[in-house]
Amino acid sequence: QVQFVESGGGLVQPGGSLRLSCKVFGIIMNIQRMGWFRQSPGTQRELVTNISATGTTTYIESVKGRFTISRDNAKAEVYLQMNNLQSEDTGVYYCDAEPWASADWGQGTQVTVAS
């Protein structure tokens, strides 16, 4: 059974940084495209960034240059380094593997950006 355990969220001031981690269970992660989703208050869950099995990354425009996704297949973990955080980055962050939303979502980790 596939399981995702996210951690690393918190309350941070605008301009601050956080590093999220996701531990993955139940799949051979090294062959999967992995991604981070965000669900902000009043909005649908959106794919913020993803990384292919070979390390190719994609980001939505609003986080380019500020967020960095990475992976450690040996540890079965995915990371999201978030710098220069802004209020619009507030939300619950979830990791997932392709095909997206085919497994149960983890509990997510809350990121709140406020002064």
C-alpha atoms as a PDB file:
ATOM      1  CA  GLN A   1       0.000   0.000   0.000  1.00  0.00           C
ATOM      2  CA  VAL A   2       1.362   3.365  -1.024  1.00  0.00           C
ATOM      3  CA  GLN A   3       1.792   5.863   1.800  1.00  0.00           C
ATOM      4  CA  PHE A   4       3.188   9.385   1.963  1.00  0.00           C
ATOM      5  CA  VAL A   5       4.323  11.044   5.191  1.00  0.00           C
ATOM      6  CA  GLU A   6       4.988  14.766   4.863  1.00  0.00           C
ATOM      7  CA  SER A   7       6.784  16.933   7.402  1.00  0.00           C
ATOM      8  CA  GLY A   8       8.639  20.211   7.794  1.00  0.00           C
ATOM      9  CA  GLY A   9       5.885  22.778   7.607  1.00  0.00           C
ATOM     10  CA  GLY A  10       5.375  25.613  10.033  1.00  0.00           C
ATOM     11  CA  LEU A  11       4.783  29.299  10.531  1.00  0.00           C
ATOM     12  CA  VAL A  12       7.269  31.580   8.826  1.00  0.00           C
ATOM     13  CA  GLN A  13       7.488  35.289   8.091  1.00  0.00           C
ATOM     14  CA  PRO A  14       7.413  36.583   4.528  1.00  0.00           C
ATOM     15  CA  GLY A  15      10.837  36.151   3.013  1.00  0.00           C
ATOM     16  CA  GLY A  16      11.612  33.155   5.175  1.00  0.00           C
ATOM     17  CA  SER A  17      12.463  29.583   4.210  1.00  0.00           C
ATOM     18  CA  LEU A  18      11.248  26.091   4.941  1.00  0.00           C
ATOM     19  CA  ARG A  19      12.316  22.636   3.803  1.00  0.00           C
ATOM     20  CA  LEU A  20       9.603  20.035   3.434  1.00  0.00           C
ATOM     21  CA  SER A  21      10.255  16.305   3.434  1.00  0.00           C
ATOM     22  CA  CYS A  22       8.143  13.402   2.260  1.00  0.00           C
ATOM     23  CA  LYS A  23       8.827   9.790   3.171  1.00  0.00           C
ATOM     24  CA  VAL A  24       7.400   7.372   0.630  1.00  0.00           C
ATOM     25  CA  PHE A  25       6.302   3.820   1.372  1.00  0.00           C
ATOM     26  CA  GLY A  26       5.011   1.053  -0.825  1.00  0.00           C
ATOM     27  CA  ILE A  27       6.379   1.933  -4.255  1.00  0.00           C
ATOM     28  CA  ILE A  28       9.663   1.711  -6.093  1.00  0.00           C
ATOM     29  CA  MET A  29      10.196   5.420  -5.960  1.00  0.00           C
ATOM     30  CA  ASN A  30      13.211   5.557  -8.248  1.00  0.00           C
ATOM     31  CA  ILE A  31      11.066   4.885 -11.315  1.00  0.00           C
ATOM     32  CA  GLN A  32       8.291   7.310 -10.429  1.00  0.00           C
ATOM     33  CA  ARG A  33       7.768  10.968 -11.206  1.00  0.00           C
ATOM     34  CA  MET A  34       7.204  12.632  -7.833  1.00  0.00           C
ATOM     35  CA  GLY A  35       5.470  15.893  -7.087  1.00  0.00           C
ATOM     36  CA  TRP A  36       4.402  18.378  -4.460  1.00  0.00           C
ATOM     37  CA  PHE A  37       0.838  19.642  -4.385  1.00  0.00           C
ATOM     38  CA  ARG A  38      -0.504  22.617  -2.487  1.00  0.00           C
ATOM     39  CA  GLN A  39      -4.015  23.279  -1.272  1.00  0.00           C
ATOM     40  CA  SER A  40      -4.527  26.869  -0.246  1.00  0.00           C
ATOM     41  CA  PRO A  41      -7.639  28.048   1.625  1.00  0.00           C
ATOM     42  CA  GLY A  42     -10.632  28.128  -0.699  1.00  0.00           C
ATOM     43  CA  THR A  43      -8.796  26.659  -3.675  1.00  0.00           C
ATOM     44  CA  GLN A  44      -8.363  23.301  -5.320  1.00  0.00           C
ATOM     45  CA  ARG A  45      -5.254  21.256  -4.774  1.00  0.00           C
ATOM     46  CA  GLU A  46      -2.668  22.165  -7.411  1.00  0.00           C
ATOM     47  CA  LEU A  47       0.559  20.593  -8.588  1.00  0.00           C
ATOM     48  CA  VAL A  48       3.287  23.050  -7.667  1.00  0.00           C
ATOM     49  CA  THR A  49       6.340  21.148  -8.842  1.00  0.00           C
ATOM     50  CA  ASN A  50       7.406  17.701  -9.957  1.00  0.00           C
ATOM     51  CA  ILE A  51      10.597  15.792 -10.633  1.00  0.00           C
ATOM     52  CA  SER A  52      11.058  12.944 -13.083  1.00  0.00           C
ATOM     53  CA  ALA A  53      12.843   9.696 -12.359  1.00  0.00           C
ATOM     54  CA  THR A  54      15.887  11.146 -14.124  1.00  0.00           C
ATOM     55  CA  GLY A  55      15.776  14.441 -12.228  1.00  0.00           C
ATOM     56  CA  THR A  56      14.048  16.762 -14.674  1.00  0.00           C
ATOM     57  CA  THR A  57      12.068  19.348 -12.748  1.00  0.00           C
ATOM     58  CA  THR A  58       9.005  21.466 -13.523  1.00  0.00           C
ATOM     59  CA  TYR A  59       7.580  24.370 -11.532  1.00  0.00           C
ATOM     60  CA  ILE A  60       4.534  26.564 -11.745  1.00  0.00           C
ATOM     61  CA  GLU A  61       5.415  30.126 -12.663  1.00  0.00           C
ATOM     62  CA  SER A  62       4.744  31.639  -9.242  1.00  0.00           C
ATOM     63  CA  VAL A  63       7.389  29.524  -7.480  1.00  0.00           C
ATOM     64  CA  LYS A  64      10.131  29.481 -10.121  1.00  0.00           C
ATOM     65  CA  GLY A  65      13.415  30.665  -8.688  1.00  0.00           C
ATOM     66  CA  ARG A  66      12.159  30.269  -5.110  1.00  0.00           C
ATOM     67  CA  PHE A  67      11.301  26.566  -4.734  1.00  0.00           C
ATOM     68  CA  THR A  68      13.533  23.568  -5.441  1.00  0.00           C
ATOM     69  CA  ILE A  69      12.347  19.976  -5.554  1.00  0.00           C
ATOM     70  CA  SER A  70      14.796  17.135  -5.050  1.00  0.00           C
ATOM     71  CA  ARG A  71      14.749  13.444  -4.340  1.00  0.00           C
ATOM     72  CA  ASP A  72      16.809  10.772  -2.612  1.00  0.00           C
ATOM     73  CA  ASN A  73      15.755   7.442  -4.061  1.00  0.00           C
ATOM     74  CA  ALA A  74      17.937   5.461  -1.661  1.00  0.00           C
ATOM     75  CA  LYS A  75      16.060   6.983   1.269  1.00  0.00           C
ATOM     76  CA  ALA A  76      12.704   6.976  -0.557  1.00  0.00           C
ATOM     77  CA  GLU A  77      12.302  10.666   0.211  1.00  0.00           C
ATOM     78  CA  VAL A  78      11.306  13.768  -1.704  1.00  0.00           C
ATOM     79  CA  TYR A  79      12.122  17.305  -0.573  1.00  0.00           C
ATOM     80  CA  LEU A  80      10.908  20.802  -1.263  1.00  0.00           C
ATOM     81  CA  GLN A  81      13.191  23.694  -0.412  1.00  0.00           C
ATOM     82  CA  MET A  82      11.123  26.868  -0.269  1.00  0.00           C
ATOM     83  CA  ASN A  83      12.857  30.233  -0.122  1.00  0.00           C
ATOM     84  CA  ASN A  84      11.550  33.792  -0.077  1.00  0.00           C
ATOM     85  CA  LEU A  85       8.157  32.554   1.017  1.00  0.00           C
ATOM     86  CA  GLN A  86       5.172  34.794   0.380  1.00  0.00           C
ATOM     87  CA  SER A  87       1.673  34.883   1.855  1.00  0.00           C
ATOM     88  CA  GLU A  88       0.266  33.235  -1.281  1.00  0.00           C
ATOM     89  CA  ASP A  89       2.393  30.172  -0.533  1.00  0.00           C
ATOM     90  CA  THR A  90       0.262  29.450   2.523  1.00  0.00           C
ATOM     91  CA  GLY A  91      -1.475  26.107   2.361  1.00  0.00           C
ATOM     92  CA  VAL A  92      -1.225  22.413   3.076  1.00  0.00           C
ATOM     93  CA  TYR A  93       1.496  20.699   1.063  1.00  0.00           C
ATOM     94  CA  TYR A  94       1.217  17.095  -0.056  1.00  0.00           C
ATOM     95  CA  CYS A  95       3.552  14.848  -1.992  1.00  0.00           C
ATOM     96  CA  ASP A  96       2.383  12.297  -4.521  1.00  0.00           C
ATOM     97  CA  ALA A  97       3.616   9.957  -7.227  1.00  0.00           C
ATOM     98  CA  GLU A  98       2.342   9.575 -10.748  1.00  0.00           C
ATOM     99  CA  PRO A  99      -0.295   8.722 -11.706  1.00  0.00           C
ATOM    100  CA  TRP A 100      -1.418  11.669  -9.595  1.00  0.00           C
ATOM    101  CA  ALA A 101      -4.149  11.118  -7.008  1.00  0.00           C
ATOM    102  CA  SER A 102      -4.227   7.362  -7.609  1.00  0.00           C
ATOM    103  CA  ALA A 103      -3.178   6.618  -4.008  1.00  0.00           C
ATOM    104  CA  ASP A 104      -4.531   7.955  -0.745  1.00  0.00           C
ATOM    105  CA  TRP A 105      -3.203  11.392   0.144  1.00  0.00           C
ATOM    106  CA  GLY A 106      -0.981  11.752   3.168  1.00  0.00           C
ATOM    107  CA  GLN A 107      -1.860  14.057   6.024  1.00  0.00           C
ATOM    108  CA  GLY A 108       0.062  16.886   4.414  1.00  0.00           C
ATOM    109  CA  THR A 109       2.102  19.526   6.180  1.00  0.00           C
ATOM    110  CA  GLN A 110       0.789  23.020   6.890  1.00  0.00           C
ATOM    111  CA  VAL A 111       2.790  26.015   5.710  1.00  0.00           C
ATOM    112  CA  THR A 112       1.671  29.403   6.968  1.00  0.00           C
ATOM    113  CA  VAL A 113       3.400  32.567   5.813  1.00  0.00           C
ATOM    114  CA  ALA A 114       2.451  35.554   7.933  1.00  0.00           C
ATOM    115  CA  SER A 115       4.123  38.463   9.671  1.00  0.00           C
END
